[in-house]
PDB file of N, CA and C in Angstrom:
ATOM      1  N   MET A   1     -41.144-138.984  35.082  1.00  0.00           N
ATOM      2  CA  MET A   1     -41.252-138.086  33.955  1.00  0.00           C
ATOM      3  C   MET A   1     -40.169-138.427  32.944  1.00  0.00           C
ATOM      4  N   GLN A   2     -40.565-138.676  31.732  1.00  0.00           N
ATOM      5  CA  GLN A   2     -39.629-139.060  30.686  1.00  0.00           C
ATOM      6  C   GLN A   2     -39.366-137.868  29.772  1.00  0.00           C
ATOM      7  N   LEU A   3     -38.115-137.504  29.609  1.00  0.00           N
ATOM      8  CA  LEU A   3     -37.736-136.403  28.735  1.00  0.00           C
ATOM      9  C   LEU A   3     -37.276-136.947  27.397  1.00  0.00           C
ATOM     10  N   ASP A   4     -37.548-136.206  26.347  1.00  0.00           N
ATOM     11  CA  ASP A   4     -37.090-136.592  25.020  1.00  0.00           C
ATOM     12  C   ASP A   4     -35.585-136.320  24.934  1.00  0.00           C
ATOM     13  N   SER A   5     -34.810-137.338  24.687  1.00  0.00           N
ATOM     14  CA  SER A   5     -33.352-137.190  24.721  1.00  0.00           C
ATOM     15  C   SER A   5     -32.843-136.305  23.590  1.00  0.00           C
ATOM     16  N   GLY A   6     -33.538-136.275  22.465  1.00  0.00           N
ATOM     17  CA  GLY A   6     -33.106-135.410  21.366  1.00  0.00           C
ATOM     18  C   GLY A   6     -33.188-133.946  21.745  1.00  0.00           C
ATOM     19  N   ASN A   7     -34.272-133.559  22.405  1.00  0.00           N
ATOM     20  CA  ASN A   7     -34.424-132.176  22.840  1.00  0.00           C
ATOM     21  C   ASN A   7     -33.395-131.811  23.897  1.00  0.00           C
ATOM     22  N   VAL A   8     -33.077-132.742  24.776  1.00  0.00           N
ATOM     23  CA  VAL A   8     -32.095-132.483  25.824  1.00  0.00           C
ATOM     24  C   VAL A   8     -30.706-132.295  25.215  1.00  0.00           C
ATOM     25  N   VAL A   9     -30.349-133.102  24.249  1.00  0.00           N
ATOM     26  CA  VAL A   9     -29.042-132.984  23.600  1.00  0.00           C
ATOM     27  C   VAL A   9     -28.938-131.642  22.884  1.00  0.00           C
ATOM     28  N   ILE A  10     -29.996-131.232  22.200  1.00  0.00           N
ATOM     29  CA  ILE A  10     -29.991-129.933  21.516  1.00  0.00           C
ATOM     30  C   ILE A  10     -29.837-128.801  22.528  1.00  0.00           C
ATOM     31  N   PHE A  11     -30.548-128.884  23.658  1.00  0.00           N
ATOM     32  CA  PHE A  11     -30.435-127.848  24.687  1.00  0.00           C
ATOM     33  C   PHE A  11     -29.016-127.769  25.234  1.00  0.00           C
ATOM     34  N   ILE A  12     -28.407-128.911  25.509  1.00  0.00           N
ATOM     35  CA  ILE A  12     -27.049-128.933  26.062  1.00  0.00           C
ATOM     36  C   ILE A  12     -26.065-128.309  25.070  1.00  0.00           C
ATOM     37  N   ILE A  13     -26.180-128.664  23.807  1.00  0.00           N
ATOM     38  CA  ILE A  13     -25.285-128.109  22.784  1.00  0.00           C
ATOM     39  C   ILE A  13     -25.472-126.602  22.681  1.00  0.00           C
ATOM     40  N   LEU A  14     -26.725-126.149  22.676  1.00  0.00           N
ATOM     41  CA  LEU A  14     -26.983-124.717  22.554  1.00  0.00           C
ATOM     42  C   LEU A  14     -26.530-123.931  23.786  1.00  0.00           C
ATOM     43  N   ALA A  15     -26.686-124.510  24.971  1.00  0.00           N
ATOM     44  CA  ALA A  15     -26.255-123.820  26.186  1.00  0.00           C
ATOM     45  C   ALA A  15     -24.739-123.627  26.184  1.00  0.00           C
ATOM     46  N   PHE A  16     -24.003-124.661  25.838  1.00  0.00           N
ATOM     47  CA  PHE A  16     -22.544-124.534  25.799  1.00  0.00           C
ATOM     48  C   PHE A  16     -22.093-123.636  24.651  1.00  0.00           C
ATOM     49  N   SER A  17     -22.824-123.661  23.533  1.00  0.00           N
ATOM     50  CA  SER A  17     -22.489-122.779  22.413  1.00  0.00           C
ATOM     51  C   SER A  17     -22.684-121.317  22.798  1.00  0.00           C
ATOM     52  N   LEU A  18     -23.755-121.029  23.519  1.00  0.00           N
ATOM     53  CA  LEU A  18     -23.975-119.655  23.981  1.00  0.00           C
ATOM     54  C   LEU A  18     -22.840-119.206  24.888  1.00  0.00           C
ATOM     55  N   GLY A  19     -22.392-120.069  25.777  1.00  0.00           N
ATOM     56  CA  GLY A  19     -21.264-119.730  26.641  1.00  0.00           C
ATOM     57  C   GLY A  19     -19.996-119.459  25.857  1.00  0.00           C
ATOM     58  N   ILE A  20     -19.739-120.269  24.848  1.00  0.00           N
ATOM     59  CA  ILE A  20     -18.538-120.079  24.021  1.00  0.00           C
ATOM     60  C   ILE A  20     -18.619-118.776  23.240  1.00  0.00           C
ATOM     61  N   VAL A  21     -19.800-118.488  22.683  1.00  0.00           N
ATOM     62  CA  VAL A  21     -19.970-117.246  21.921  1.00  0.00           C
ATOM     63  C   VAL A  21     -19.777-116.033  22.824  1.00  0.00           C
ATOM     64  N   LEU A  22     -20.295-116.094  24.049  1.00  0.00           N
ATOM     65  CA  LEU A  22     -20.114-114.968  24.967  1.00  0.00           C
ATOM     66  C   LEU A  22     -18.656-114.784  25.371  1.00  0.00           C
ATOM     67  N   ILE A  23     -17.943-115.888  25.543  1.00  0.00           N
ATOM     68  CA  ILE A  23     -16.525-115.784  25.919  1.00  0.00           C
ATOM     69  C   ILE A  23     -15.708-115.232  24.756  1.00  0.00           C
ATOM     70  N   LEU A  24     -15.962-115.722  23.555  1.00  0.00           N
ATOM     71  CA  LEU A  24     -15.174-115.282  22.405  1.00  0.00           C
ATOM     72  C   LEU A  24     -15.521-113.860  21.954  1.00  0.00           C
ATOM     73  N   GLY A  25     -16.774-113.440  22.162  1.00  0.00           N
ATOM     74  CA  GLY A  25     -17.180-112.119  21.707  1.00  0.00           C
ATOM     75  C   GLY A  25     -17.374-111.120  22.818  1.00  0.00           C
ATOM     76  N   ARG A  26     -16.701-111.309  23.939  1.00  0.00           N
ATOM     77  CA  ARG A  26     -16.942-110.450  25.104  1.00  0.00           C
ATOM     78  C   ARG A  26     -16.533-108.999  24.873  1.00  0.00           C
ATOM     79  N   ASN A  27     -15.631-108.748  23.962  1.00  0.00           N
ATOM     80  CA  ASN A  27     -15.186-107.363  23.729  1.00  0.00           C
ATOM     81  C   ASN A  27     -16.177-106.578  22.877  1.00  0.00           C
ATOM     82  N   SER A  28     -16.986-107.253  22.094  1.00  0.00           N
ATOM     83  CA  SER A  28     -17.905-106.555  21.193  1.00  0.00           C
ATOM     84  C   SER A  28     -19.314-106.415  21.765  1.00  0.00           C
ATOM     85  N   ILE A  29     -19.577-106.979  22.947  1.00  0.00           N
ATOM     86  CA  ILE A  29     -20.898-106.898  23.565  1.00  0.00           C
ATOM     87  C   ILE A  29     -20.891-105.748  24.573  1.00  0.00           C
ATOM     88  N   PRO A  30     -21.900-104.851  24.544  1.00  0.00           N
ATOM     89  CA  PRO A  30     -21.953-103.743  25.513  1.00  0.00           C
ATOM     90  C   PRO A  30     -22.004-104.251  26.957  1.00  0.00           C
ATOM     91  N   ASP A  31     -21.501-103.449  27.896  1.00  0.00           N
ATOM     92  CA  ASP A  31     -21.384-103.862  29.293  1.00  0.00           C
ATOM     93  C   ASP A  31     -22.724-104.237  29.920  1.00  0.00           C
ATOM     94  N   ARG A  32     -23.750-103.409  29.703  1.00  0.00           N
ATOM     95  CA  ARG A  32     -25.052-103.698  30.313  1.00  0.00           C
ATOM     96  C   ARG A  32     -25.628-105.011  29.797  1.00  0.00           C
ATOM     97  N   LEU A  33     -25.477-105.261  28.530  1.00  0.00           N
ATOM     98  CA  LEU A  33     -25.995-106.488  27.937  1.00  0.00           C
ATOM     99  C   LEU A  33     -25.141-107.690  28.321  1.00  0.00           C
ATOM    100  N   ARG A  34     -23.842-107.480  28.435  1.00  0.00           N
ATOM    101  CA  ARG A  34     -22.920-108.578  28.745  1.00  0.00           C
ATOM    102  C   ARG A  34     -23.209-109.208  30.101  1.00  0.00           C
ATOM    103  N   ARG A  35     -23.500-108.382  31.104  1.00  0.00           N
ATOM    104  CA  ARG A  35     -23.740-108.907  32.451  1.00  0.00           C
ATOM    105  C   ARG A  35     -24.985-109.789  32.485  1.00  0.00           C
ATOM    106  N   GLY A  36     -26.072-109.337  31.873  1.00  0.00           N
ATOM    107  CA  GLY A  36     -27.307-110.123  31.841  1.00  0.00           C
ATOM    108  C   GLY A  36     -27.161-111.402  31.047  1.00  0.00           C
ATOM    109  N   MET A  37     -26.491-111.297  29.901  1.00  0.00           N
ATOM    110  CA  MET A  37     -26.302-112.493  29.081  1.00  0.00           C
ATOM    111  C   MET A  37     -25.397-113.498  29.775  1.00  0.00           C
ATOM    112  N   ALA A  38     -24.396-113.018  30.496  1.00  0.00           N
ATOM    113  CA  ALA A  38     -23.504-113.921  31.230  1.00  0.00           C
ATOM    114  C   ALA A  38     -24.264-114.648  32.329  1.00  0.00           C
ATOM    115  N   LEU A  39     -25.156-113.944  33.010  1.00  0.00           N
ATOM    116  CA  LEU A  39     -25.955-114.571  34.060  1.00  0.00           C
ATOM    117  C   LEU A  39     -26.882-115.634  33.477  1.00  0.00           C
ATOM    118  N   ILE A  40     -27.552-115.310  32.391  1.00  0.00           N
ATOM    119  CA  ILE A  40     -28.451-116.275  31.746  1.00  0.00           C
ATOM    120  C   ILE A  40     -27.673-117.478  31.221  1.00  0.00           C
ATOM    121  N   ALA A  41     -26.526-117.223  30.594  1.00  0.00           N
ATOM    122  CA  ALA A  41     -25.711-118.323  30.081  1.00  0.00           C
ATOM    123  C   ALA A  41     -25.223-119.221  31.210  1.00  0.00           C
ATOM    124  N   THR A  42     -24.847-118.631  32.339  1.00  0.00           N
ATOM    125  CA  THR A  42     -24.401-119.425  33.493  1.00  0.00           C
ATOM    126  C   THR A  42     -25.518-120.317  34.008  1.00  0.00           C
ATOM    127  N   LEU A  43     -26.728-119.760  34.109  1.00  0.00           N
ATOM    128  CA  LEU A  43     -27.872-120.563  34.560  1.00  0.00           C
ATOM    129  C   LEU A  43     -28.178-121.699  33.585  1.00  0.00           C
ATOM    130  N   LEU A  44     -28.130-121.403  32.291  1.00  0.00           N
ATOM    131  CA  LEU A  44     -28.410-122.439  31.290  1.00  0.00           C
ATOM    132  C   LEU A  44     -27.349-123.537  31.308  1.00  0.00           C
ATOM    133  N   ILE A  45     -26.092-123.160  31.482  1.00  0.00           N
ATOM    134  CA  ILE A  45     -25.011-124.153  31.524  1.00  0.00           C
ATOM    135  C   ILE A  45     -25.120-125.002  32.784  1.00  0.00           C
ATOM    136  N   CYS A  46     -25.473-124.389  33.913  1.00  0.00           N
ATOM    137  CA  CYS A  46     -25.677-125.168  35.143  1.00  0.00           C
ATOM    138  C   CYS A  46     -26.827-126.162  34.974  1.00  0.00           C
ATOM    139  N   PHE A  47     -27.900-125.731  34.341  1.00  0.00           N
ATOM    140  CA  PHE A  47     -29.019-126.638  34.092  1.00  0.00           C
ATOM    141  C   PHE A  47     -28.624-127.744  33.120  1.00  0.00           C
ATOM    142  N   ALA A  48     -27.774-127.430  32.144  1.00  0.00           N
ATOM    143  CA  ALA A  48     -27.292-128.447  31.212  1.00  0.00           C
ATOM    144  C   ALA A  48     -26.454-129.489  31.946  1.00  0.00           C
ATOM    145  N   PHE A  49     -25.598-129.044  32.874  1.00  0.00           N
ATOM    146  CA  PHE A  49     -24.833-129.998  33.682  1.00  0.00           C
ATOM    147  C   PHE A  49     -25.759-130.874  34.520  1.00  0.00           C
ATOM    148  N   PHE A  50     -26.804-130.265  35.084  1.00  0.00           N
ATOM    149  CA  PHE A  50     -27.781-131.039  35.839  1.00  0.00           C
ATOM    150  C   PHE A  50     -28.430-132.102  34.958  1.00  0.00           C
ATOM    151  N   LEU A  51     -28.798-131.748  33.737  1.00  0.00           N
ATOM    152  CA  LEU A  51     -29.410-132.722  32.834  1.00  0.00           C
ATOM    153  C   LEU A  51     -28.447-133.845  32.465  1.00  0.00           C
ATOM    154  N   ILE A  52     -27.176-133.509  32.285  1.00  0.00           N
ATOM    155  CA  ILE A  52     -26.180-134.538  31.985  1.00  0.00           C
ATOM    156  C   ILE A  52     -26.071-135.518  33.144  1.00  0.00           C
ATOM    157  N   VAL A  53     -25.974-134.992  34.366  1.00  0.00           N
ATOM    158  CA  VAL A  53     -25.873-135.850  35.549  1.00  0.00           C
ATOM    159  C   VAL A  53     -27.144-136.667  35.724  1.00  0.00           C
ATOM    160  N   TYR A  54     -28.300-136.048  35.486  1.00  0.00           N
ATOM    161  CA  TYR A  54     -29.585-136.740  35.601  1.00  0.00           C
ATOM    162  C   TYR A  54     -29.661-137.921  34.628  1.00  0.00           C
ATOM    163  N   TYR A  55     -29.243-137.699  33.383  1.00  0.00           N
ATOM    164  CA  TYR A  55     -29.281-138.780  32.411  1.00  0.00           C
ATOM    165  C   TYR A  55     -28.269-139.877  32.747  1.00  0.00           C
ATOM    166  N   LEU A  56     -27.085-139.511  33.226  1.00  0.00           N
ATOM    167  CA  LEU A  56     -26.116-140.525  33.613  1.00  0.00           C
ATOM    168  C   LEU A  56     -26.587-141.327  34.811  1.00  0.00           C
ATOM    169  N   TYR A  57     -27.257-140.658  35.750  1.00  0.00           N
ATOM    170  CA  TYR A  57     -27.770-141.337  36.945  1.00  0.00           C
ATOM    171  C   TYR A  57     -28.894-142.317  36.575  1.00  0.00           C
ATOM    172  N   ASN A  58     -29.718-141.950  35.631  1.00  0.00           N
ATOM    173  CA  ASN A  58     -30.853-142.780  35.250  1.00  0.00           C
ATOM    174  C   ASN A  58     -30.548-143.785  34.138  1.00  0.00           C
ATOM    175  N   MET A  59     -29.319-143.852  33.684  1.00  0.00           N
ATOM    176  CA  MET A  59     -28.984-144.818  32.635  1.00  0.00           C
ATOM    177  C   MET A  59     -29.144-146.250  33.110  1.00  0.00           C
ATOM    178  N   GLY A  60     -28.829-146.505  34.357  1.00  0.00           N
ATOM    179  CA  GLY A  60     -28.904-147.867  34.874  1.00  0.00           C
ATOM    180  C   GLY A  60     -30.294-148.271  35.319  1.00  0.00           C
ATOM    181  N   ALA A  61     -31.206-147.323  35.395  1.00  0.00           N
ATOM    182  CA  ALA A  61     -32.550-147.632  35.888  1.00  0.00           C
ATOM    183  C   ALA A  61     -33.419-148.267  34.806  1.00  0.00           C
TER     184      ALA A  61
END
């Protein structure tokens, strides 16, 4: 399965940006919303790390 590298790069940038925004704005986000957004951001960042490792692993192939 071949992934479009442009879309993957955009996803990685957006996932890390969401994490940064949540960290910097944690005081202004309500508690109920903060917990859910933190969980989603964590999952997206973990998937972004997986994509980075996947692309590095397949560079030599």
